[in-house]
Protein backbone atom coordinates (compact mmCIF):
# COMPACT_ATOMS: atom_id res chain seq x y z
CA MET A 1 -0.01 0.03 0.01
CA LEU A 2 0.94 3.53 -0.65
CA THR A 3 -0.42 6.38 1.55
CA VAL A 4 -0.02 10.00 0.31
CA SER A 5 -1.34 13.08 2.17
CA THR A 6 -1.19 16.71 0.82
CA ALA A 7 -1.79 19.77 2.87
CA ASN A 8 -1.53 23.57 2.60
CA VAL A 9 -0.21 24.46 6.06
CA ASN A 10 -0.75 28.32 5.66
CA GLY A 11 2.61 28.83 7.30
CA LEU A 12 4.66 25.86 8.68
CA ARG A 13 5.98 27.64 11.74
CA ALA A 14 2.33 28.64 12.89
CA ALA A 15 0.96 25.13 11.88
CA ALA A 16 3.64 23.52 13.96
CA LYS A 17 2.38 25.29 16.99
CA LYS A 18 -1.22 24.50 16.30
CA GLY A 19 -1.10 20.68 15.93
CA PHE A 20 0.68 19.99 12.68
CA VAL A 21 3.64 18.27 14.57
CA GLU A 22 1.19 15.81 16.43
CA TRP A 23 -0.68 15.22 13.01
CA LEU A 24 2.82 14.32 11.36
CA ALA A 25 3.58 11.81 14.19
CA ASP A 26 0.24 10.08 14.03
CA THR A 27 -0.13 9.87 10.27
CA ALA A 28 0.01 6.53 8.50
CA ALA A 29 1.05 8.45 5.24
CA ASP A 30 4.20 7.20 3.35
CA VAL A 31 4.42 10.57 1.65
CA VAL A 32 3.29 13.98 2.81
CA CYS A 33 3.23 16.92 0.49
CA LEU A 34 3.09 20.52 1.99
CA GLN A 35 2.37 23.98 0.38
CA GLU A 36 2.63 27.42 1.66
CA VAL A 37 5.23 26.65 3.98
CA ARG A 38 6.36 30.29 3.92
CA ALA A 39 9.81 29.86 5.57
CA GLU A 40 13.38 29.25 4.69
CA GLU A 41 14.72 25.96 5.70
CA ALA A 42 16.89 27.48 8.59
CA GLN A 43 13.63 29.08 9.92
CA ILE A 44 11.73 25.98 10.20
CA PRO A 45 11.78 24.26 13.62
CA ASP A 46 13.58 21.12 13.90
CA ALA A 47 10.55 19.19 14.63
CA VAL A 48 9.20 19.77 11.21
CA ARG A 49 12.39 20.52 9.37
CA ALA A 50 13.77 17.11 9.71
CA PRO A 51 11.46 14.94 11.66
CA GLU A 52 12.42 11.69 12.85
CA GLY A 53 11.54 8.77 10.63
CA TRP A 54 11.17 11.08 7.56
CA TYR A 55 13.41 12.27 4.63
CA ALA A 56 12.38 15.96 4.21
CA ALA A 57 12.94 18.14 1.13
CA HIS A 58 12.07 21.81 1.12
CA ALA A 59 11.84 24.31 -1.67
CA PRO A 60 11.36 27.88 -0.27
CA ALA A 61 10.58 30.77 -2.39
CA ALA A 62 13.09 33.51 -3.33
CA ALA A 63 10.48 36.04 -2.08
CA LYS A 64 10.70 35.80 1.62
CA GLY A 65 7.66 34.80 3.55
CA ARG A 66 5.76 33.50 0.28
CA ALA A 67 4.76 30.25 -1.01
CA GLY A 68 7.17 27.38 -0.33
CA VAL A 69 6.73 23.62 -0.85
CA SER A 70 7.98 20.53 1.05
CA LEU A 71 8.02 16.80 0.61
CA TYR A 72 8.33 14.16 3.40
CA THR A 73 8.94 10.56 2.55
CA ARG A 74 9.39 7.38 4.64
CA ARG A 75 12.02 6.16 2.52
CA GLU A 76 14.99 8.09 0.94
CA PRO A 77 14.08 9.47 -2.69
CA ASP A 78 16.28 8.30 -5.50
CA ALA A 79 16.23 12.05 -6.75
CA VAL A 80 14.69 15.22 -5.83
CA ARG A 81 14.08 18.16 -8.26
CA VAL A 82 13.04 21.80 -7.67
CA GLY A 83 10.87 23.51 -10.27
CA PHE A 84 9.76 22.31 -13.63
CA GLY A 85 12.09 24.10 -15.99
CA ALA A 86 10.33 27.49 -16.14
CA SER A 87 12.77 30.29 -15.28
CA GLU A 88 9.96 32.56 -13.94
CA PHE A 89 8.78 30.04 -11.45
CA ASP A 90 11.64 27.55 -10.57
CA ALA A 91 12.77 29.71 -7.46
CA SER A 92 9.02 30.61 -6.52
CA GLY A 93 8.54 27.74 -4.07
CA ARG A 94 5.72 26.21 -6.12
CA TYR A 95 6.83 22.98 -7.30
CA LEU A 96 8.96 20.11 -5.98
CA GLU A 97 9.23 16.58 -6.89
CA ALA A 98 10.83 13.26 -5.84
CA ASP A 99 11.48 9.97 -7.42
CA LEU A 100 10.47 6.89 -5.18
CA PRO A 101 10.28 3.33 -6.55
CA GLY A 102 7.93 3.06 -9.36
CA VAL A 103 6.57 6.52 -8.74
CA THR A 104 7.31 10.29 -8.99
CA VAL A 105 5.60 12.36 -6.53
CA ALA A 106 5.28 16.15 -6.58
CA SER A 107 4.08 18.82 -4.35
CA LEU A 108 2.35 21.81 -6.07
CA TYR A 109 1.26 25.08 -4.98
CA LEU A 110 -0.32 26.81 -7.95
CA PRO A 111 -0.70 30.57 -7.68
CA SER A 112 -3.95 31.80 -6.20
CA GLY A 113 -4.59 34.77 -8.51
CA GLU A 114 -6.95 37.71 -8.19
CA VAL A 115 -8.97 39.07 -11.05
CA GLY A 116 -7.86 42.28 -12.63
CA THR A 117 -4.25 42.10 -10.96
CA GLU A 118 -0.85 40.96 -11.78
CA ARG A 119 -1.38 38.02 -9.53
CA GLN A 120 -3.94 36.71 -11.96
CA ASP A 121 -1.61 37.22 -14.88
CA GLU A 122 1.06 35.38 -12.93
CA LYS A 123 -1.31 32.59 -12.37
CA ILE A 124 -2.23 32.29 -16.09
CA ARG A 125 1.50 32.27 -17.18
CA PHE A 126 2.13 29.46 -14.49
CA MET A 127 -0.73 27.37 -16.01
CA ASP A 128 0.49 27.97 -19.50
CA ALA A 129 3.99 26.69 -18.60
CA PHE A 130 2.86 23.99 -16.22
CA LEU A 131 0.49 22.08 -18.54
CA PRO A 132 3.12 21.05 -21.29
CA TYR A 133 5.41 19.96 -18.30
CA LEU A 134 2.70 17.77 -16.98
CA LYS A 135 2.49 16.01 -20.31
CA GLU A 136 6.27 15.73 -20.59
CA LEU A 137 6.41 14.31 -16.99
CA LYS A 138 3.85 11.57 -17.55
CA GLU A 139 5.50 10.56 -20.79
CA ARG A 140 8.95 10.50 -19.53
CA ALA A 141 7.64 8.45 -16.49
CA ALA A 142 5.73 6.05 -18.68
CA ALA A 143 8.82 5.47 -20.71
CA ASP A 144 10.81 4.59 -17.46
CA GLY A 145 7.76 2.29 -16.19
CA ARG A 146 6.83 4.88 -13.52
CA GLU A 147 3.53 6.51 -12.41
CA VAL A 148 3.02 9.89 -11.36
CA LEU A 149 1.19 11.83 -8.36
CA VAL A 150 0.95 15.61 -8.45
CA CYS A 151 -0.55 16.54 -5.05
CA GLY A 152 -1.16 20.05 -3.81
CA ASP A 153 -3.17 23.16 -3.68
CA TRP A 154 -4.21 23.60 -7.33
CA ASN A 155 -6.25 26.72 -6.34
CA ILE A 156 -8.97 25.93 -8.92
CA ALA A 157 -12.38 24.42 -8.14
CA HIS A 158 -13.15 22.32 -11.33
CA GLN A 159 -16.89 21.91 -11.06
CA GLU A 160 -19.91 23.29 -9.30
CA ALA A 161 -19.67 20.45 -6.91
CA ASP A 162 -16.24 21.59 -5.96
CA LEU A 163 -17.42 24.72 -3.99
CA LYS A 164 -20.42 25.56 -1.93
CA ASN A 165 -21.26 29.07 -3.29
CA TRP A 166 -20.40 28.53 -6.89
CA LYS A 167 -22.99 30.99 -8.19
CA ALA A 168 -21.54 33.89 -6.35
CA ASN A 169 -17.80 32.94 -7.39
CA ARG A 170 -18.32 32.65 -11.27
CA LYS A 171 -16.29 35.85 -11.77
CA ASN A 172 -13.69 35.21 -8.91
CA SER A 173 -10.15 33.72 -9.38
CA GLY A 174 -10.51 29.88 -8.72
CA PHE A 175 -13.57 29.52 -10.46
CA LEU A 176 -13.25 31.39 -13.67
CA PRO A 177 -14.21 29.61 -16.86
CA GLU A 178 -10.72 29.87 -18.31
CA GLU A 179 -9.24 28.10 -15.08
CA ARG A 180 -11.82 25.55 -14.99
CA ALA A 181 -11.08 24.82 -18.78
CA TRP A 182 -7.47 24.69 -18.12
CA LEU A 183 -7.95 22.06 -15.36
CA GLY A 184 -10.26 20.18 -17.76
CA ARG A 185 -7.25 19.93 -20.12
CA VAL A 186 -5.14 18.52 -17.42
CA PHE A 187 -7.69 15.56 -17.02
CA ASP A 188 -8.65 15.30 -20.60
CA GLU A 189 -5.79 16.34 -22.89
CA ALA A 190 -2.87 15.44 -20.39
CA ALA A 191 -4.89 12.37 -19.28
CA TYR A 192 -4.38 12.68 -15.43
CA VAL A 193 -7.10 11.57 -13.00
CA ASP A 194 -8.44 13.51 -9.82
CA VAL A 195 -8.44 10.39 -7.51
CA VAL A 196 -10.90 11.92 -4.91
CA ARG A 197 -13.46 12.96 -7.56
CA THR A 198 -13.19 9.48 -9.21
CA LEU A 199 -14.01 7.70 -5.96
CA HIS A 200 -16.80 10.33 -4.94
CA PRO A 201 -18.40 11.13 -8.20
CA ASP A 202 -21.72 12.36 -6.95
CA GLN A 203 -20.70 14.03 -3.79
CA GLU A 204 -20.57 17.90 -3.27
CA GLY A 205 -17.10 18.48 -2.13
CA PRO A 206 -15.50 17.03 0.04
CA TYR A 207 -14.28 20.44 0.55
CA SER A 208 -10.58 21.14 1.63
CA TRP A 209 -10.50 24.92 2.24
CA TRP A 210 -12.78 27.02 4.27
CA SER A 211 -12.23 30.68 4.95
CA TYR A 212 -11.43 31.79 8.44
CA ARG A 213 -13.95 34.61 8.13
CA GLY A 214 -17.52 34.14 9.45
CA ARG A 215 -18.60 30.38 10.19
CA ALA A 216 -17.42 28.76 6.76
CA PHE A 217 -15.96 25.85 8.39
CA ASP A 218 -18.91 25.31 10.88
CA ASN A 219 -21.33 25.58 7.99
CA ASP A 220 -19.02 23.56 5.68
CA THR A 221 -19.02 26.40 3.08
CA GLY A 222 -15.79 25.47 1.48
CA TRP A 223 -13.90 24.76 -1.80
CA ARG A 224 -12.32 21.64 -3.05
CA ILE A 225 -9.05 22.92 -4.36
CA ASP A 226 -6.40 20.67 -2.58
CA LEU A 227 -6.13 17.73 -5.21
CA ILE A 228 -4.35 14.49 -5.53
CA VAL A 229 -3.89 13.90 -9.31
CA SER A 230 -2.23 10.83 -10.78
CA SER A 231 -1.36 9.07 -13.93
CA PRO A 232 -4.37 6.56 -14.93
CA GLY A 233 -2.37 3.38 -14.06
CA LEU A 234 -2.01 4.58 -10.53
CA ALA A 235 -5.50 6.01 -10.10
CA GLU A 236 -7.06 2.58 -11.02
CA ARG A 237 -5.30 1.22 -7.91
CA CYS A 238 -6.53 4.02 -5.56
CA VAL A 239 -8.76 2.29 -2.96
CA LYS A 240 -9.58 5.15 -0.77
CA ALA A 241 -9.34 8.96 -1.06
CA TYR A 242 -10.72 11.45 1.71
CA VAL A 243 -10.29 14.73 3.29
CA GLU A 244 -9.18 14.76 6.98
CA ARG A 245 -11.73 17.36 8.06
CA PRO A 246 -10.93 18.30 11.78
CA ALA A 247 -13.80 17.44 14.26
CA SER A 248 -14.08 21.33 15.34
CA HIS A 249 -12.91 24.86 14.26
CA ALA A 250 -10.65 24.91 17.34
CA GLU A 251 -8.68 21.79 16.19
CA ARG A 252 -7.68 23.30 12.70
CA TRP A 253 -3.99 24.02 12.22
CA SER A 254 -4.62 25.61 8.83
CA ASP A 255 -7.45 26.96 6.74
CA HIS A 256 -7.04 23.87 4.58
CA ALA A 257 -7.48 20.37 5.71
CA PRO A 258 -5.05 17.44 4.65
CA VAL A 259 -6.34 15.27 1.73
CA THR A 260 -5.39 11.63 1.59
CA ALA A 261 -5.39 8.80 -0.71
CA VAL A 262 -4.41 5.13 -0.31
CA PHE A 263 -3.17 3.10 -3.30
CA ASN A 264 -3.07 -0.83 -3.53
CA LEU A 265 0.30 -1.38 -5.24
């Protein structure tokens, strides 16, 4: 079995004080992908920078206090790579991948964007550069007899079932028609599989992000933007996929919840 979890920690130093350390100690995952670490490696507490029983790789952003992705694996990776060959983004702390036996696993933090701003332009540029790489990655892996997992905060809700208030968000970043169409190309043109949606085809959600404002978490007014996306061969072996939603607002260590998938290898 291979168990993989992904979580946007909304600042790893803050999450470590709120319960992430305990979650990591208790998890049955073989691989953990983190996003929005927002710290350089030297700033990360030892308990989560190099936790016992894990091999840890960190890719901070060149811009201090922004983005940052990490990968924890139970066994030492055969190789670790930062970025995907796009000069604008390779030092932005948004992509990190590792080769494990039979599978390449990546932690992705796609830009969040904001309509009418440079942030949205950056998001579009990232998407334009990333899709060809996803195709190349899967083709290269297949030639080597490997599967692919790209886990993380994709910052796009693909369908109406992926966010509670979809009608009010049709003109907002994260649910724009062009963003949804791009994610559709990831699934159709590049032939990746959203493993949570595949196992829960008729469910609204399960949501993985809730605003800290109001009572969004208590009312389950969320978005499903944290995705575990895999090559088709691996998706066929996914036996369980779910969101680790905290029991209460007080038990949250991030505004996102971990998403976990179990594969029968």
